[in-house]
Amino acid sequence: MPFRSIVRDFKEIGEGISNMYRRGAEAKHVHRHGKSLIAPECSSPSPSPPPPSSSSSSQSRWANLPPELLLDIIQRVEASETSWPARRALVACASVCRLWREITKDVVKTPEQCGWLTFPISLKQPGPRDTAIQCFIKRERVTSTYCLYLGLSPALSGDMSKLLLAAKKIRRATCTEFLISLVAHDFSRANNTHIGKLRSNFLGTKFMILDGQPPHDSSLPLNCKLQQRVHLKQVLPRVTAANHKVATVSYELNVLRTRGPRRMRCTMHLIPISAIQEGGTAPTPLKFTNCLNEHASTIPISKGKKPQVNFGSTGTGNNTPESTQSAREPLILKNKAPRWHEQLQCWCLNFKGRVTVASVKNFQLVAAAEPSQIVSVAEQEKVILQFGKIGKDIFTMDYRYPLSAFQAFAICLSSFDTKPVCE
């Protein structure tokens, strides 16, 4: 059999599996948009096997392919499927069996290396260094939900837009929370699709980005708060989701409105400043971890005290406090200062055509580095995240290394909250 026909049949198998899962999702959620979701990994329970059919024999035949041949075929499929929705065939191939999944995960590169989003873990990995990943956010005012899609704009993507993340705004007595999920119809923290949230203070001037997963590098400094309801019971059948502090977004006060547009400052607690230095790397998780029960069993609980977790360095080396502190300095982002346009009589930024409507929410973030941190001028002028308005409820979001899609989306969500003392 010619090799091209093998690759073609292999794609048809992947597309058939993808269509099977999509039909099941549509039957379960007829009026939902779940078909845009990146297929979850092992964190969610596997679906029940389909009934036997005539295609089961052919599928078992492909499952018994030699690993060397299977690796070569998946490499060719991965190279040819560079965009969604065609890339869903590659995700479907990874769901066939454990062998297919391991080989596919070895072939698929991180967004930093290839610039593509494939698996759900890609949303937690840093973006590419050279080019930005272009997305757009659609706001639903009635339901207070915000959906992040992959693509230039809804006019170009249409119904084939790839849903990456969704958030729901919840107003509370003392703060505002944005619950972030992989799906647009379920924001329960007890569900495996919940990946984090954004929480504001009372004035809406300071936000905390909280991740539901533990940090990739335990040697990085961070403030971790495990919310556990263990007041009366020693053993609970279910433990609530952990909240790991990822970043802090602060807006400067502008009560007299004499400082121009909003001024924001983002402290990325999990990304060191060395990530943007020459030869630096950013933390890159390779899989979702579900270790809530492990954390609950290893943390001692004492009456009247909150559980504490020490994420300090576990090594036994004799590092000096000065060298350790300099290596752990977090990356700080600041909004790029706009310039005043005399003819338009407004503050302007160069969004390179990605923003078309003037709004106080528009911003560009660049790195804020001290002279002692040895960061080049070109790296400090590089726009890491930009967010702007193009329609009544449509906003563009372009991010790049060292931010991930989850971190960038959470930062942009902070711009939607009302800030009367900052404008």
Protein backbone atom coordinates (compact mmCIF):
# COMPACT_ATOMS: atom_id res chain seq x y z
CA MET A 1 0.00 0.00 0.00
CA PRO A 2 1.45 3.42 -0.93
CA PHE A 3 2.53 5.55 2.02
CA ARG A 4 0.30 8.46 1.00
CA SER A 5 -2.77 6.24 1.17
CA ILE A 6 -1.72 5.10 4.65
CA VAL A 7 -1.52 8.71 5.83
CA ARG A 8 -4.88 9.48 4.20
CA ASP A 9 -6.56 6.49 5.85
CA PHE A 10 -4.92 7.46 9.14
CA LYS A 11 -6.43 10.94 8.95
CA GLU A 12 -9.84 9.46 8.12
CA ILE A 13 -9.64 7.31 11.24
CA GLY A 14 -8.77 10.35 13.35
CA GLU A 15 -11.58 12.37 11.81
CA GLY A 16 -14.00 9.48 12.36
CA ILE A 17 -13.10 9.31 16.04
CA SER A 18 -13.40 13.08 16.29
CA ASN A 19 -16.85 13.01 14.68
CA MET A 20 -17.93 10.23 17.04
CA TYR A 21 -16.99 12.27 20.12
CA ARG A 22 -18.54 15.41 18.64
CA ARG A 23 -21.84 13.65 17.96
CA GLY A 24 -21.90 12.43 21.53
CA ALA A 25 -21.25 15.93 22.83
CA GLU A 26 -23.93 17.44 20.61
CA ALA A 27 -26.46 14.85 21.75
CA LYS A 28 -25.71 15.71 25.36
CA HIS A 29 -25.61 19.50 24.91
CA VAL A 30 -27.79 20.37 21.98
CA HIS A 31 -27.75 24.12 22.51
CA ARG A 32 -24.16 24.39 23.73
CA HIS A 33 -20.96 25.27 21.91
CA GLY A 34 -18.93 22.42 23.32
CA LYS A 35 -17.62 21.39 19.93
CA SER A 36 -15.14 24.24 20.06
CA LEU A 37 -13.48 22.86 23.19
CA ILE A 38 -9.98 21.49 23.11
CA ALA A 39 -10.38 17.84 24.06
CA PRO A 40 -9.56 17.37 27.77
CA GLU A 41 -6.77 15.06 28.84
CA CYS A 42 -6.78 12.34 31.47
CA SER A 43 -8.25 14.67 34.09
CA SER A 44 -11.78 13.90 32.91
CA PRO A 45 -13.33 10.44 32.96
CA SER A 46 -13.07 8.53 29.71
CA PRO A 47 -16.29 8.12 27.73
CA SER A 48 -18.00 4.77 27.52
CA PRO A 49 -16.86 2.64 24.58
CA PRO A 50 -19.01 2.79 21.46
CA PRO A 51 -21.06 -0.24 20.45
CA PRO A 52 -19.37 -2.76 18.16
CA SER A 53 -19.58 -1.89 14.50
CA SER A 54 -18.00 -2.79 11.21
CA SER A 55 -15.26 -0.19 11.72
CA SER A 56 -14.02 -1.80 14.98
CA SER A 57 -12.04 -4.45 13.10
CA SER A 58 -10.30 -1.87 10.92
CA GLN A 59 -9.58 0.31 13.97
CA SER A 60 -7.95 -2.62 15.81
CA ARG A 61 -5.84 -3.25 12.73
CA TRP A 62 -4.47 0.30 12.89
CA ALA A 63 -3.93 0.03 16.66
CA ASN A 64 -1.48 -2.82 16.06
CA LEU A 65 0.83 -0.77 13.85
CA PRO A 66 4.56 -0.99 14.65
CA PRO A 67 5.65 1.96 16.84
CA GLU A 68 8.24 3.10 14.29
CA LEU A 69 5.68 3.28 11.48
CA LEU A 70 3.09 4.86 13.79
CA LEU A 71 5.61 7.54 14.81
CA ASP A 72 6.41 8.37 11.20
CA ILE A 73 2.72 8.64 10.26
CA ILE A 74 1.83 10.86 13.23
CA GLN A 75 4.76 13.13 12.43
CA ARG A 76 3.44 13.60 8.91
CA VAL A 77 -0.11 14.21 10.15
CA GLU A 78 1.12 16.74 12.72
CA ALA A 79 3.11 18.61 10.08
CA SER A 80 0.14 18.81 7.69
CA GLU A 81 -2.52 19.83 10.24
CA THR A 82 -1.39 23.32 11.27
CA SER A 83 -4.71 24.96 12.14
CA TRP A 84 -8.13 24.27 13.61
CA PRO A 85 -10.55 22.64 12.99
CA ALA A 86 -8.40 20.27 10.92
CA ARG A 87 -6.03 19.83 13.87
CA ARG A 88 -8.76 18.07 15.84
CA ALA A 89 -7.93 14.89 13.88
CA LEU A 90 -4.55 14.87 15.62
CA VAL A 91 -6.22 15.23 19.02
CA ALA A 92 -8.61 12.39 18.14
CA CYS A 93 -5.67 10.16 17.21
CA ALA A 94 -4.24 10.71 20.68
CA SER A 95 -7.49 9.34 22.15
CA VAL A 96 -7.36 5.95 20.43
CA CYS A 97 -5.18 4.09 22.93
CA ARG A 98 -2.26 4.61 25.28
CA LEU A 99 0.38 3.87 22.63
CA TRP A 100 -1.11 6.37 20.19
CA ARG A 101 -1.41 8.96 22.93
CA GLU A 102 2.20 8.65 24.12
CA ILE A 103 3.59 8.86 20.60
CA THR A 104 1.36 11.84 19.75
CA LYS A 105 2.41 13.67 22.91
CA ASP A 106 6.07 13.09 22.00
CA VAL A 107 5.52 14.43 18.48
CA VAL A 108 3.44 17.51 19.36
CA LYS A 109 5.62 20.41 20.47
CA THR A 110 4.86 23.18 22.93
CA PRO A 111 3.47 26.54 21.70
CA GLU A 112 6.85 28.11 22.43
CA GLN A 113 8.46 25.77 19.91
CA CYS A 114 5.81 25.52 17.18
CA GLY A 115 3.35 28.36 17.83
CA TRP A 116 0.28 26.06 17.80
CA LEU A 117 -2.27 25.13 20.46
CA THR A 118 -3.13 21.44 20.45
CA PHE A 119 -3.92 19.91 23.84
CA PRO A 120 -5.51 21.61 26.88
CA ILE A 121 -2.12 21.81 28.59
CA SER A 122 -1.05 24.16 25.78
CA LEU A 123 -3.20 26.82 27.43
CA LYS A 124 -0.89 26.70 30.48
CA GLN A 125 2.35 26.76 28.46
CA PRO A 126 4.23 29.90 27.33
CA GLY A 127 3.50 31.27 23.88
CA PRO A 128 5.99 31.55 21.02
CA ARG A 129 8.98 33.88 21.30
CA ASP A 130 9.03 35.37 17.80
CA THR A 131 5.35 35.78 16.91
CA ALA A 132 2.23 36.35 18.97
CA ILE A 133 -0.76 34.00 19.13
CA GLN A 134 -3.76 36.03 17.98
CA CYS A 135 -7.08 35.50 19.75
CA PHE A 136 -10.30 37.40 20.39
CA ILE A 137 -12.67 37.65 23.35
CA LYS A 138 -16.45 37.73 22.98
CA ARG A 139 -18.47 39.25 25.80
CA GLU A 140 -22.03 38.18 26.63
CA ARG A 141 -23.61 40.95 28.70
CA VAL A 142 -26.77 39.02 29.60
CA THR A 143 -24.98 36.03 31.12
CA SER A 144 -21.82 37.93 32.21
CA THR A 145 -19.62 35.42 30.40
CA TYR A 146 -16.45 35.98 28.39
CA CYS A 147 -15.24 33.47 25.80
CA LEU A 148 -11.70 33.34 24.43
CA TYR A 149 -11.41 32.09 20.85
CA LEU A 150 -8.41 31.31 18.69
CA GLY A 151 -8.35 33.41 15.53
CA LEU A 152 -8.15 36.92 14.16
CA SER A 153 -11.80 37.92 14.55
CA PRO A 154 -15.28 36.36 14.51
CA ALA A 155 -15.86 37.81 11.05
CA LEU A 156 -13.00 35.70 9.64
CA SER A 157 -13.46 32.60 11.80
CA GLY A 158 -17.26 32.46 11.86
CA ASP A 159 -18.79 29.34 13.38
CA MET A 160 -15.46 27.52 13.10
CA SER A 161 -13.90 29.60 15.88
CA LYS A 162 -11.89 27.52 18.32
CA LEU A 163 -13.03 27.99 21.92
CA LEU A 164 -10.04 28.05 24.25
CA LEU A 165 -11.30 29.34 27.59
CA ALA A 166 -14.45 30.80 29.11
CA ALA A 167 -15.04 32.93 32.21
CA LYS A 168 -18.09 33.91 34.20
CA LYS A 169 -18.25 37.12 36.23
CA ILE A 170 -19.72 36.82 39.72
CA ARG A 171 -20.25 39.87 41.92
CA ARG A 172 -19.95 39.32 45.63
CA ALA A 173 -20.36 41.63 48.62
CA THR A 174 -16.66 42.36 49.04
CA CYS A 175 -15.11 41.41 45.69
CA THR A 176 -15.65 40.32 42.11
CA GLU A 177 -14.64 36.88 40.84
CA PHE A 178 -14.14 35.54 37.33
CA LEU A 179 -14.38 31.73 37.23
CA ILE A 180 -12.33 30.36 34.32
CA SER A 181 -13.22 27.05 32.69
CA LEU A 182 -12.45 25.00 29.60
CA VAL A 183 -16.13 24.99 28.61
CA ALA A 184 -18.66 27.78 28.22
CA HIS A 185 -21.56 26.16 30.08
CA ASP A 186 -20.08 24.79 33.31
CA PHE A 187 -18.13 26.93 35.79
CA SER A 188 -18.40 24.69 38.83
CA ARG A 189 -15.17 24.42 40.79
CA ALA A 190 -15.95 20.77 41.51
CA ASN A 191 -15.73 19.96 37.79
CA ASN A 192 -12.50 18.93 36.09
CA THR A 193 -12.98 21.66 33.50
CA HIS A 194 -12.37 24.39 36.11
CA ILE A 195 -8.77 25.60 35.83
CA GLY A 196 -8.61 28.84 37.83
CA LYS A 197 -10.15 32.17 38.69
CA LEU A 198 -9.52 35.89 39.04
CA ARG A 199 -10.43 37.73 42.24
CA SER A 200 -10.51 41.48 42.88
CA ASN A 201 -10.46 43.59 46.00
CA PHE A 202 -13.34 45.79 47.10
CA LEU A 203 -12.35 48.80 44.95
CA GLY A 204 -11.42 46.76 41.91
CA THR A 205 -7.86 48.12 41.91
CA LYS A 206 -6.02 44.88 42.71
CA PHE A 207 -6.58 41.40 41.29
CA MET A 208 -5.16 37.99 42.10
CA ILE A 209 -4.87 35.28 39.45
CA LEU A 210 -5.40 31.90 41.11
CA ASP A 211 -4.60 28.61 39.40
CA GLY A 212 -6.33 25.36 40.27
CA GLN A 213 -3.16 23.38 39.50
CA PRO A 214 0.05 23.31 41.57
CA PRO A 215 3.03 25.20 40.14
CA HIS A 216 5.34 23.51 37.65
CA ASP A 217 8.53 24.49 39.51
CA SER A 218 8.28 24.16 43.27
CA SER A 219 11.47 26.20 43.79
CA LEU A 220 9.81 29.40 42.64
CA PRO A 221 8.43 31.66 45.35
CA LEU A 222 4.69 31.98 45.52
CA ASN A 223 1.90 32.39 48.00
CA CYS A 224 -0.29 29.31 47.96
CA LYS A 225 -3.61 29.11 49.75
CA LEU A 226 -5.41 25.81 50.02
CA GLN A 227 -9.07 26.38 50.78
CA GLN A 228 -10.24 23.33 52.67
CA ARG A 229 -13.37 22.92 54.73
CA VAL A 230 -12.00 20.82 57.54
CA HIS A 231 -13.55 22.46 60.59
CA LEU A 232 -15.22 19.43 62.14
CA LYS A 233 -14.24 16.41 60.08
CA GLN A 234 -10.78 14.86 59.88
CA VAL A 235 -11.49 12.95 56.67
CA LEU A 236 -13.67 14.42 53.96
CA PRO A 237 -15.06 12.56 50.97
CA ARG A 238 -14.20 15.49 48.69
CA VAL A 239 -11.65 18.29 48.92
CA THR A 240 -12.31 21.67 47.39
CA ALA A 241 -10.04 22.97 44.65
CA ALA A 242 -6.69 24.46 45.60
CA ASN A 243 -5.94 28.06 44.69
CA HIS A 244 -2.31 28.78 43.80
CA LYS A 245 -1.39 32.41 43.38
CA VAL A 246 -0.05 32.95 39.87
CA ALA A 247 0.07 36.72 39.45
CA THR A 248 -1.09 40.03 40.88
CA VAL A 249 -2.55 42.81 38.74
CA SER A 250 -2.62 46.30 40.26
CA TYR A 251 -4.14 49.52 38.93
CA GLU A 252 -2.93 52.90 40.13
CA LEU A 253 -5.43 55.22 41.75
CA ASN A 254 -6.48 58.23 39.69
CA VAL A 255 -9.12 59.91 41.82
CA LEU A 256 -8.60 63.39 40.34
CA ARG A 257 -8.30 61.98 36.78
CA THR A 258 -5.09 63.87 36.06
CA ARG A 259 -2.85 60.96 35.04
CA GLY A 260 -4.40 60.06 31.70
CA PRO A 261 -5.33 56.45 30.86
CA ARG A 262 -5.22 53.55 33.27
CA ARG A 263 -1.88 52.47 34.65
CA MET A 264 -1.47 48.82 35.50
CA ARG A 265 1.31 46.65 36.86
CA CYS A 266 1.42 42.84 36.76
CA THR A 267 3.68 40.79 38.99
CA MET A 268 4.09 37.26 37.60
CA HIS A 269 4.98 35.23 40.68
CA LEU A 270 5.64 32.00 38.76
CA ILE A 271 7.75 33.52 35.97
CA PRO A 272 11.24 34.67 36.99
CA ILE A 273 12.85 37.73 35.44
CA SER A 274 15.54 35.41 34.08
CA ALA A 275 12.94 34.02 31.63
CA ILE A 276 13.34 37.05 29.34
CA GLN A 277 17.07 37.29 29.81
CA GLU A 278 19.44 35.76 27.28
CA GLY A 279 19.24 31.98 27.53
CA GLY A 280 16.39 32.10 30.05
CA THR A 281 13.42 29.74 30.13
CA ALA A 282 9.90 30.03 31.53
CA PRO A 283 8.15 27.29 33.54
CA THR A 284 6.42 24.91 31.12
CA PRO A 285 4.03 22.30 32.58
CA LEU A 286 3.72 19.16 30.51
CA LYS A 287 0.52 17.73 31.97
CA PHE A 288 -2.34 18.47 34.33
CA THR A 289 -1.86 17.12 37.82
CA ASN A 290 -4.73 16.01 40.00
CA CYS A 291 -3.14 15.81 43.43
CA LEU A 292 -5.68 17.48 45.72
CA ASN A 293 -6.02 14.39 47.85
CA GLU A 294 -2.23 14.11 48.12
CA HIS A 295 -1.96 17.70 49.33
CA ALA A 296 -4.79 17.15 51.81
CA SER A 297 -3.19 14.03 53.25
CA THR A 298 0.29 15.53 53.66
CA ILE A 299 -0.73 18.89 55.18
CA PRO A 300 -1.08 18.81 58.96
CA ILE A 301 -4.27 20.47 60.17
CA SER A 302 -4.33 22.07 63.60
CA LYS A 303 -7.29 23.66 65.27
CA GLY A 304 -7.50 27.40 64.78
CA LYS A 305 -4.77 27.52 62.14
CA LYS A 306 -4.96 27.56 58.39
CA PRO A 307 -2.98 24.97 56.45
CA GLN A 308 0.32 26.23 55.11
CA VAL A 309 2.39 24.94 52.26
CA ASN A 310 6.11 25.56 51.89
CA PHE A 311 7.18 25.77 48.29
CA GLY A 312 10.75 26.68 49.09
CA SER A 313 13.74 25.07 47.46
CA THR A 314 14.09 21.39 48.26
CA GLY A 315 17.75 21.18 47.38
CA THR A 316 20.56 20.81 49.90
CA GLY A 317 23.03 23.11 48.19
CA ASN A 318 24.77 25.93 50.01
CA ASN A 319 23.31 28.81 48.04
CA THR A 320 23.73 32.24 49.52
CA PRO A 321 20.56 34.23 50.26
CA GLU A 322 21.68 36.98 47.88
CA SER A 323 22.14 34.67 44.89
CA THR A 324 18.91 32.81 45.64
CA GLN A 325 16.92 36.05 45.91
CA SER A 326 18.31 37.42 42.64
CA ALA A 327 17.50 34.18 40.83
CA ARG A 328 13.91 34.22 42.13
CA GLU A 329 12.94 37.78 41.27
CA PRO A 330 9.54 37.65 39.53
CA LEU A 331 8.82 39.14 36.14
CA ILE A 332 6.98 42.47 36.34
CA LEU A 333 4.90 43.80 33.45
CA LYS A 334 3.73 47.36 33.00
CA ASN A 335 1.45 48.96 30.46
CA LYS A 336 3.18 50.78 27.64
CA ALA A 337 2.78 54.53 28.01
CA PRO A 338 0.57 56.01 25.23
CA ARG A 339 1.38 59.23 23.43
CA TRP A 340 -0.90 62.21 23.02
CA HIS A 341 -2.14 62.77 19.47
CA GLU A 342 -2.64 66.47 18.78
CA GLN A 343 -4.95 66.06 15.79
CA LEU A 344 -7.16 63.39 17.33
CA GLN A 345 -6.94 64.92 20.81
CA CYS A 346 -6.62 61.53 22.48
CA TRP A 347 -4.05 59.07 23.82
CA CYS A 348 -2.84 56.61 21.17
CA LEU A 349 -0.92 53.34 20.96
CA ASN A 350 0.27 51.46 17.89
CA PHE A 351 -1.69 48.20 17.86
CA LYS A 352 -0.69 47.47 14.24
CA GLY A 353 -4.28 47.26 13.03
CA ARG A 354 -5.49 44.82 15.70
CA VAL A 355 -7.54 47.47 17.56
CA THR A 356 -10.07 49.73 15.83
CA VAL A 357 -12.21 51.22 18.63
CA ALA A 358 -10.95 53.65 21.26
CA SER A 359 -11.54 52.39 24.79
CA VAL A 360 -10.14 52.86 28.26
CA LYS A 361 -9.72 49.08 28.40
CA ASN A 362 -7.10 49.00 25.61
CA PHE A 363 -3.55 48.31 26.78
CA GLN A 364 -0.16 46.88 25.87
CA LEU A 365 2.12 45.21 28.39
CA VAL A 366 5.92 45.24 28.29
CA ALA A 367 8.58 44.04 30.72
CA ALA A 368 9.63 46.40 33.51
CA ALA A 369 13.26 45.62 34.39
CA GLU A 370 15.84 47.29 36.59
CA PRO A 371 19.33 48.10 35.25
CA SER A 372 20.81 45.44 37.53
CA GLN A 373 18.67 42.69 35.99
CA ILE A 374 20.55 42.71 32.65
CA VAL A 375 17.59 42.80 30.27
CA SER A 376 18.23 44.19 26.79
CA VAL A 377 16.44 47.30 25.60
CA ALA A 378 14.91 45.41 22.68
CA GLU A 379 13.43 42.85 25.07
CA GLN A 380 11.96 45.59 27.27
CA GLU A 381 10.26 47.24 24.27
CA LYS A 382 8.73 43.98 23.02
CA VAL A 383 4.96 43.86 23.55
CA ILE A 384 4.18 40.67 25.49
CA LEU A 385 0.40 41.13 25.70
CA GLN A 386 -1.96 43.52 23.96
CA PHE A 387 -5.69 43.84 24.38
CA GLY A 388 -8.10 46.12 22.56
CA LYS A 389 -11.62 46.68 21.34
CA ILE A 390 -12.81 46.05 17.78
CA GLY A 391 -16.59 45.95 18.28
CA LYS A 392 -19.35 46.46 20.78
CA ASP A 393 -18.57 43.22 22.62
CA ILE A 394 -15.56 41.92 20.69
CA PHE A 395 -11.96 42.40 21.85
CA THR A 396 -8.66 41.14 20.47
CA MET A 397 -6.00 39.51 22.64
CA ASP A 398 -2.49 38.78 21.35
CA TYR A 399 0.03 37.18 23.68
CA ARG A 400 3.52 35.73 23.41
CA TYR A 401 6.33 34.26 25.51
CA PRO A 402 6.62 34.05 28.49
CA LEU A 403 2.85 34.36 29.14
CA SER A 404 0.43 31.50 28.65
CA ALA A 405 -3.10 31.75 27.29
CA PHE A 406 -4.55 31.27 30.78
CA GLN A 407 -2.39 34.02 32.29
CA ALA A 408 -3.05 36.43 29.41
CA PHE A 409 -6.80 35.80 29.51
CA ALA A 410 -6.94 36.40 33.27
CA ILE A 411 -5.03 39.68 32.92
CA CYS A 412 -7.44 40.85 30.22
CA LEU A 413 -10.43 39.91 32.38
CA SER A 414 -9.23 42.36 35.02
CA SER A 415 -9.83 45.17 32.52
CA PHE A 416 -13.57 44.38 32.36
CA ASP A 417 -14.21 45.14 36.02
CA THR A 418 -15.48 48.61 36.92
CA LYS A 419 -12.75 50.93 38.25
CA PRO A 420 -14.19 54.39 38.98
CA VAL A 421 -11.11 55.44 40.99
CA CYS A 422 -8.60 54.48 38.26
CA GLU A 423 -10.00 56.25 35.18
